[in-house]
Amino acid sequence: RARPDKSLRFPRPLVIYLFSNAPGVCKYPAGPPAPCGWGAEEAKRFSKRSGTFPPAHSHNDWIGPPDKHSNLRPVIFYVSPEESPLERRLREARQEAQEKEEFIYSRLKAKGLEMRDETGQKATLNAEEMADFYKDFLSKNFRKHMQYNRDWYKRNFTITYLMGQVALARALRWLRWKKKNS
């Protein structure tokens, strides 16, 4: 069942979800299947997986049940009507990171990591055989893992940097408002 980000659990990658109350999220007009403030495309995808979508009055990002292919929880990002260009960049970076992770993990799961015997059945391994299997797997895929880690850190540091900029812009906007109303 879908739940708001306040009761958030941290799936992979952690940094994407750390600041899930970060600024809003989709400039898509709300279509008939989507409540006001939510991207129609996102809401359709989310409701297909979970059978629900966020209520119209909610102003939070929503995290759904784990995807059966990638085992990652999909996130529907709330779109604030007053979304600034900086906030839009942040939302798009977060969405792009989510889509990329979903693609990578679903592809990895489809490929399968288990060791198989001659007939194609999953082989039962003891601890020593499993250690050898994973050592071989990691050494064969070393370059892929290095590239993935580089990309992951680059994406998430960009998101963190944008979150800092948005937080600073909001603080300055609040201080200007407070000074004007004093």
C-alpha atoms as a PDB file:
ATOM      1  CA  ARG A   1       0.000   0.000   0.000  1.00  0.00           C
ATOM      2  CA  ALA A   2       1.275   3.485  -0.845  1.00  0.00           C
ATOM      3  CA  ARG A   3       2.338   5.782   1.945  1.00  0.00           C
ATOM      4  CA  PRO A   4       3.594   9.353   2.234  1.00  0.00           C
ATOM      5  CA  ASP A   5       7.304   9.954   2.506  1.00  0.00           C
ATOM      6  CA  LYS A   6       7.069  10.723   6.252  1.00  0.00           C
ATOM      7  CA  SER A   7       7.103   6.999   7.045  1.00  0.00           C
ATOM      8  CA  LEU A   8       9.903   6.444   4.586  1.00  0.00           C
ATOM      9  CA  ARG A   9      12.163   3.406   4.569  1.00  0.00           C
ATOM     10  CA  PHE A  10      15.482   3.728   2.793  1.00  0.00           C
ATOM     11  CA  PRO A  11      15.852   1.491  -0.274  1.00  0.00           C
ATOM     12  CA  ARG A  12      18.835   1.759  -2.634  1.00  0.00           C
ATOM     13  CA  PRO A  13      20.206   4.376  -3.386  1.00  0.00           C
ATOM     14  CA  LEU A  14      19.979   6.121  -0.053  1.00  0.00           C
ATOM     15  CA  VAL A  15      20.891   9.669  -1.087  1.00  0.00           C
ATOM     16  CA  ILE A  16      17.991  10.032  -3.503  1.00  0.00           C
ATOM     17  CA  TYR A  17      15.490   9.525  -0.706  1.00  0.00           C
ATOM     18  CA  LEU A  18      17.234  11.316   2.147  1.00  0.00           C
ATOM     19  CA  PHE A  19      15.602  14.654   1.454  1.00  0.00           C
ATOM     20  CA  SER A  20      12.295  13.452   0.071  1.00  0.00           C
ATOM     21  CA  ASN A  21      10.539  16.591   1.299  1.00  0.00           C
ATOM     22  CA  ALA A  22      12.725  18.435  -1.146  1.00  0.00           C
ATOM     23  CA  PRO A  23      10.863  20.764  -3.465  1.00  0.00           C
ATOM     24  CA  GLY A  24       8.003  19.602  -5.516  1.00  0.00           C
ATOM     25  CA  VAL A  25       8.071  17.927  -8.745  1.00  0.00           C
ATOM     26  CA  CYS A  26       6.181  17.621 -12.080  1.00  0.00           C
ATOM     27  CA  LYS A  27       5.170  20.264 -14.575  1.00  0.00           C
ATOM     28  CA  TYR A  28       2.803  17.821 -16.313  1.00  0.00           C
ATOM     29  CA  PRO A  29      -0.825  18.937 -16.308  1.00  0.00           C
ATOM     30  CA  ALA A  30      -2.955  16.716 -14.141  1.00  0.00           C
ATOM     31  CA  GLY A  31      -5.024  14.504 -16.432  1.00  0.00           C
ATOM     32  CA  PRO A  32      -8.198  12.665 -15.509  1.00  0.00           C
ATOM     33  CA  PRO A  33      -6.446   9.702 -13.845  1.00  0.00           C
ATOM     34  CA  ALA A  34      -4.190  11.921 -11.745  1.00  0.00           C
ATOM     35  CA  PRO A  35      -5.238  14.038  -8.777  1.00  0.00           C
ATOM     36  CA  CYS A  36      -4.372  17.711  -8.942  1.00  0.00           C
ATOM     37  CA  GLY A  37      -0.655  18.394  -8.447  1.00  0.00           C
ATOM     38  CA  TRP A  38       0.567  15.017  -9.671  1.00  0.00           C
ATOM     39  CA  GLY A  39       1.995  14.086 -13.058  1.00  0.00           C
ATOM     40  CA  ALA A  40      -0.618  12.097 -15.004  1.00  0.00           C
ATOM     41  CA  GLU A  41       1.943   9.688 -16.429  1.00  0.00           C
ATOM     42  CA  GLU A  42       3.518   9.040 -13.026  1.00  0.00           C
ATOM     43  CA  ALA A  43       0.165   8.537 -11.327  1.00  0.00           C
ATOM     44  CA  LYS A  44      -0.928   5.994 -13.949  1.00  0.00           C
ATOM     45  CA  ARG A  45       2.293   3.995 -13.513  1.00  0.00           C
ATOM     46  CA  PHE A  46       2.079   4.213  -9.732  1.00  0.00           C
ATOM     47  CA  SER A  47      -1.599   3.231  -9.542  1.00  0.00           C
ATOM     48  CA  LYS A  48      -1.002   0.284 -11.882  1.00  0.00           C
ATOM     49  CA  ARG A  49       1.607  -1.074  -9.446  1.00  0.00           C
ATOM     50  CA  SER A  50      -0.059  -0.282  -6.141  1.00  0.00           C
ATOM     51  CA  GLY A  51      -3.748   0.038  -6.999  1.00  0.00           C
ATOM     52  CA  THR A  52      -3.865   3.541  -5.466  1.00  0.00           C
ATOM     53  CA  PHE A  53      -2.510   6.998  -5.996  1.00  0.00           C
ATOM     54  CA  PRO A  54      -1.887   9.934  -3.683  1.00  0.00           C
ATOM     55  CA  PRO A  55      -4.904  11.964  -2.530  1.00  0.00           C
ATOM     56  CA  ALA A  56      -5.390  15.383  -4.118  1.00  0.00           C
ATOM     57  CA  HIS A  57      -4.751  17.245  -0.824  1.00  0.00           C
ATOM     58  CA  SER A  58      -1.318  15.665  -0.264  1.00  0.00           C
ATOM     59  CA  HIS A  59       1.719  17.873  -0.791  1.00  0.00           C
ATOM     60  CA  ASN A  60       4.377  15.194  -0.292  1.00  0.00           C
ATOM     61  CA  ASP A  61       6.232  12.791  -2.501  1.00  0.00           C
ATOM     62  CA  TRP A  62       4.742   9.289  -2.329  1.00  0.00           C
ATOM     63  CA  ILE A  63       6.615   6.004  -2.209  1.00  0.00           C
ATOM     64  CA  GLY A  64       4.916   2.865  -3.477  1.00  0.00           C
ATOM     65  CA  PRO A  65       5.400  -0.846  -2.975  1.00  0.00           C
ATOM     66  CA  PRO A  66       8.535  -2.513  -4.383  1.00  0.00           C
ATOM     67  CA  ASP A  67       8.575  -3.093  -8.120  1.00  0.00           C
ATOM     68  CA  LYS A  68       8.517  -6.787  -9.006  1.00  0.00           C
ATOM     69  CA  HIS A  69      11.281  -6.375 -11.605  1.00  0.00           C
ATOM     70  CA  SER A  70      13.774  -4.059  -9.901  1.00  0.00           C
ATOM     71  CA  ASN A  71      12.738  -4.449  -6.225  1.00  0.00           C
ATOM     72  CA  LEU A  72      12.997  -0.653  -5.868  1.00  0.00           C
ATOM     73  CA  ARG A  73      10.116   1.421  -4.538  1.00  0.00           C
ATOM     74  CA  PRO A  74       8.686   3.816  -7.135  1.00  0.00           C
ATOM     75  CA  VAL A  75       8.320   7.445  -6.109  1.00  0.00           C
ATOM     76  CA  ILE A  76       5.656   9.850  -7.330  1.00  0.00           C
ATOM     77  CA  PHE A  77       6.937  13.363  -6.999  1.00  0.00           C
ATOM     78  CA  TYR A  78       4.518  16.119  -6.009  1.00  0.00           C
ATOM     79  CA  VAL A  79       4.409  19.120  -8.340  1.00  0.00           C
ATOM     80  CA  SER A  80       4.182  22.418  -6.606  1.00  0.00           C
ATOM     81  CA  PRO A  81       2.269  25.046  -8.590  1.00  0.00           C
ATOM     82  CA  GLU A  82       4.958  27.596  -7.635  1.00  0.00           C
ATOM     83  CA  GLU A  83       7.890  25.398  -8.706  1.00  0.00           C
ATOM     84  CA  SER A  84      10.932  27.539  -9.552  1.00  0.00           C
ATOM     85  CA  PRO A  85      13.317  26.635 -12.397  1.00  0.00           C
ATOM     86  CA  LEU A  86      15.892  25.481  -9.814  1.00  0.00           C
ATOM     87  CA  GLU A  87      13.321  23.260  -8.097  1.00  0.00           C
ATOM     88  CA  ARG A  88      12.314  21.868 -11.496  1.00  0.00           C
ATOM     89  CA  ARG A  89      15.956  20.979 -12.233  1.00  0.00           C
ATOM     90  CA  LEU A  90      16.162  19.194  -8.886  1.00  0.00           C
ATOM     91  CA  ARG A  91      12.945  17.279  -9.489  1.00  0.00           C
ATOM     92  CA  GLU A  92      14.065  16.235 -12.967  1.00  0.00           C
ATOM     93  CA  ALA A  93      17.450  15.104 -11.632  1.00  0.00           C
ATOM     94  CA  ARG A  94      15.727  13.012  -8.944  1.00  0.00           C
ATOM     95  CA  GLN A  95      13.336  11.489 -11.488  1.00  0.00           C
ATOM     96  CA  GLU A  96      16.175  10.702 -13.868  1.00  0.00           C
ATOM     97  CA  ALA A  97      18.168   9.050 -11.072  1.00  0.00           C
ATOM     98  CA  GLN A  98      15.134   6.988 -10.069  1.00  0.00           C
ATOM     99  CA  GLU A  99      14.515   5.836 -13.662  1.00  0.00           C
ATOM    100  CA  LYS A 100      18.172   4.954 -14.159  1.00  0.00           C
ATOM    101  CA  GLU A 101      18.325   2.885 -10.948  1.00  0.00           C
ATOM    102  CA  GLU A 102      15.084   1.132 -11.833  1.00  0.00           C
ATOM    103  CA  PHE A 103      16.442   0.251 -15.279  1.00  0.00           C
ATOM    104  CA  ILE A 104      19.766  -1.017 -13.922  1.00  0.00           C
ATOM    105  CA  TYR A 105      18.268  -3.120 -11.125  1.00  0.00           C
ATOM    106  CA  SER A 106      15.529  -4.612 -13.315  1.00  0.00           C
ATOM    107  CA  ARG A 107      18.143  -5.531 -15.942  1.00  0.00           C
ATOM    108  CA  LEU A 108      20.399  -7.041 -13.272  1.00  0.00           C
ATOM    109  CA  LYS A 109      17.538  -9.060 -11.799  1.00  0.00           C
ATOM    110  CA  ALA A 110      16.433 -10.266 -15.272  1.00  0.00           C
ATOM    111  CA  LYS A 111      19.993 -11.346 -16.036  1.00  0.00           C
ATOM    112  CA  GLY A 112      20.121 -13.385 -12.850  1.00  0.00           C
ATOM    113  CA  LEU A 113      23.130 -13.781 -10.575  1.00  0.00           C
ATOM    114  CA  GLU A 114      22.637 -17.350  -9.419  1.00  0.00           C
ATOM    115  CA  MET A 115      25.028 -20.068 -10.423  1.00  0.00           C
ATOM    116  CA  ARG A 116      23.314 -22.687 -12.593  1.00  0.00           C
ATOM    117  CA  ASP A 117      24.153 -26.304 -13.303  1.00  0.00           C
ATOM    118  CA  GLU A 118      24.316 -28.003 -16.731  1.00  0.00           C
ATOM    119  CA  THR A 119      20.509 -28.321 -16.972  1.00  0.00           C
ATOM    120  CA  GLY A 120      19.920 -24.634 -16.216  1.00  0.00           C
ATOM    121  CA  GLN A 121      18.594 -25.248 -12.707  1.00  0.00           C
ATOM    122  CA  LYS A 122      19.792 -23.096  -9.793  1.00  0.00           C
ATOM    123  CA  ALA A 123      22.723 -24.819  -8.160  1.00  0.00           C
ATOM    124  CA  THR A 124      22.851 -25.172  -4.394  1.00  0.00           C
ATOM    125  CA  LEU A 125      26.189 -23.873  -3.173  1.00  0.00           C
ATOM    126  CA  ASN A 126      28.023 -24.119   0.092  1.00  0.00           C
ATOM    127  CA  ALA A 127      29.742 -21.045   1.542  1.00  0.00           C
ATOM    128  CA  GLU A 128      33.095 -21.729  -0.129  1.00  0.00           C
ATOM    129  CA  GLU A 129      31.605 -22.244  -3.595  1.00  0.00           C
ATOM    130  CA  MET A 130      29.470 -19.149  -3.191  1.00  0.00           C
ATOM    131  CA  ALA A 131      32.528 -17.074  -2.240  1.00  0.00           C
ATOM    132  CA  ASP A 132      34.373 -18.309  -5.338  1.00  0.00           C
ATOM    133  CA  PHE A 133      31.356 -17.596  -7.562  1.00  0.00           C
ATOM    134  CA  TYR A 134      31.002 -14.009  -6.317  1.00  0.00           C
ATOM    135  CA  LYS A 135      34.756 -13.406  -6.492  1.00  0.00           C
ATOM    136  CA  ASP A 136      34.712 -14.442 -10.154  1.00  0.00           C
ATOM    137  CA  PHE A 137      31.585 -12.393 -10.800  1.00  0.00           C
ATOM    138  CA  LEU A 138      33.071  -9.260  -9.243  1.00  0.00           C
ATOM    139  CA  SER A 139      36.402  -9.587 -11.018  1.00  0.00           C
ATOM    140  CA  LYS A 140      34.693 -10.146 -14.410  1.00  0.00           C
ATOM    141  CA  ASN A 141      32.487  -7.076 -13.923  1.00  0.00           C
ATOM    142  CA  PHE A 142      35.003  -4.785 -12.220  1.00  0.00           C
ATOM    143  CA  ARG A 143      34.947  -2.073 -14.922  1.00  0.00           C
ATOM    144  CA  LYS A 144      31.135  -2.077 -15.084  1.00  0.00           C
ATOM    145  CA  HIS A 145      30.921  -1.670 -11.315  1.00  0.00           C
ATOM    146  CA  MET A 146      33.470   1.150 -11.319  1.00  0.00           C
ATOM    147  CA  GLN A 147      31.538   2.991 -14.048  1.00  0.00           C
ATOM    148  CA  TYR A 148      28.245   2.455 -12.235  1.00  0.00           C
ATOM    149  CA  ASN A 149      29.708   3.766  -8.948  1.00  0.00           C
ATOM    150  CA  ARG A 150      31.154   6.840 -10.701  1.00  0.00           C
ATOM    151  CA  ASP A 151      27.811   7.605 -12.338  1.00  0.00           C
ATOM    152  CA  TRP A 152      25.893   6.974  -9.134  1.00  0.00           C
ATOM    153  CA  TYR A 153      28.074   9.335  -7.083  1.00  0.00           C
ATOM    154  CA  LYS A 154      27.990  11.999  -9.796  1.00  0.00           C
ATOM    155  CA  ARG A 155      24.173  11.873  -9.992  1.00  0.00           C
ATOM    156  CA  ASN A 156      23.691  11.927  -6.235  1.00  0.00           C
ATOM    157  CA  PHE A 157      26.207  14.691  -5.544  1.00  0.00           C
ATOM    158  CA  THR A 158      24.458  16.749  -8.216  1.00  0.00           C
ATOM    159  CA  ILE A 159      21.127  16.113  -6.484  1.00  0.00           C
ATOM    160  CA  THR A 160      22.605  17.012  -3.091  1.00  0.00           C
ATOM    161  CA  TYR A 161      24.130  20.216  -4.518  1.00  0.00           C
ATOM    162  CA  LEU A 162      20.795  21.201  -6.081  1.00  0.00           C
ATOM    163  CA  MET A 163      19.026  20.477  -2.764  1.00  0.00           C
ATOM    164  CA  GLY A 164      21.448  22.821  -1.020  1.00  0.00           C
ATOM    165  CA  GLN A 165      20.811  25.541  -3.586  1.00  0.00           C
ATOM    166  CA  VAL A 166      17.040  25.141  -3.260  1.00  0.00           C
ATOM    167  CA  ALA A 167      17.223  25.219   0.553  1.00  0.00           C
ATOM    168  CA  LEU A 168      19.334  28.401   0.413  1.00  0.00           C
ATOM    169  CA  ALA A 169      16.971  30.034  -2.090  1.00  0.00           C
ATOM    170  CA  ARG A 170      13.976  29.177   0.099  1.00  0.00           C
ATOM    171  CA  ALA A 171      15.712  30.528   3.226  1.00  0.00           C
ATOM    172  CA  LEU A 172      16.568  33.782   1.454  1.00  0.00           C
ATOM    173  CA  ARG A 173      13.005  34.053   0.103  1.00  0.00           C
ATOM    174  CA  TRP A 174      11.644  33.506   3.633  1.00  0.00           C
ATOM    175  CA  LEU A 175      14.013  36.131   5.105  1.00  0.00           C
ATOM    176  CA  ARG A 176      12.991  38.673   2.429  1.00  0.00           C
ATOM    177  CA  TRP A 177       9.308  37.947   3.138  1.00  0.00           C
ATOM    178  CA  LYS A 178       9.860  38.291   6.906  1.00  0.00           C
ATOM    179  CA  LYS A 179      11.737  41.586   6.470  1.00  0.00           C
ATOM    180  CA  LYS A 180       9.036  42.949   4.173  1.00  0.00           C
ATOM    181  CA  ASN A 181       6.240  42.018   6.594  1.00  0.00           C
ATOM    182  CA  SER A 182       8.012  43.386   9.699  1.00  0.00           C
END
